[in-house]
């Protein structure tokens, strides 16, 4: 991704990750930090920062140097430019591998093989997401605009929406230990909501395709959104899933 996209991510993506990290600690019954954690497709490093709550050392990997340049610096975090399907780490190097809001972009088979290789015999893989429901608590009309106007003008780019099944996990040496769906509300002003929407892949794809400039998108969004707000800020619904998996023995023909 370009530098302008990375800067928008750093300014306007949501820092929801501590909410999930606390749930991960409970799911995995952690009584102290794990030694080494790898955060795959870490983007601008928000997920890495949260992960330091449960890991002594964190490595964040992302294929975009521009994204990594925006990541927060922390003595316990190291950043590496690498794709999810080709990670330059030794076998068994990590206690925990996490993926935040990126699994749907991966070549699943290649990533899962890499994750299994890098985890030691009693390691965990945690995949989680957080997405916009397109609903405003204070005004139901917003949902219709989001569905019938915003998503029509800015449709979601193709991604892997196939279910991640127990069988697929087991074929790559993992076993589900916990699945949870959760919800969280976010307060936005008109400006904050517009800036957040400008970080969505829908809008990024439209701008990269030459459909709109950032200035045009921002002006259009602010103009459309203002009428839905009855106060300076409003409440918007988000949520997602958390999948916790543990390593399981591989069949002989999978090794």
Foldseek 3Di string as FASTA:
>chain_A
DDLVLLVLCLVFADLPQLVVLVVVCVLVVDPAAFAEEEEAQCFLPSNVVSNVVRYQAYEYEHQDPSRPVNHDDDPRYHYDRDHLLDDPDAFQQHQEYEYEACCQADPNVSNLLVVNRNHHQWHKYKYKYKDFPQQFPVFRVSSCCCVVPVCVVQPDDDTRPDDDDQVNQVQSFKGWRDKDKDKDKDKDFQQSVLSNVCSHPSNVVCVVVVNDPSVVSSVVSSVVPVVRDPDRITITMMIIMMTMITGHDHDPVSD
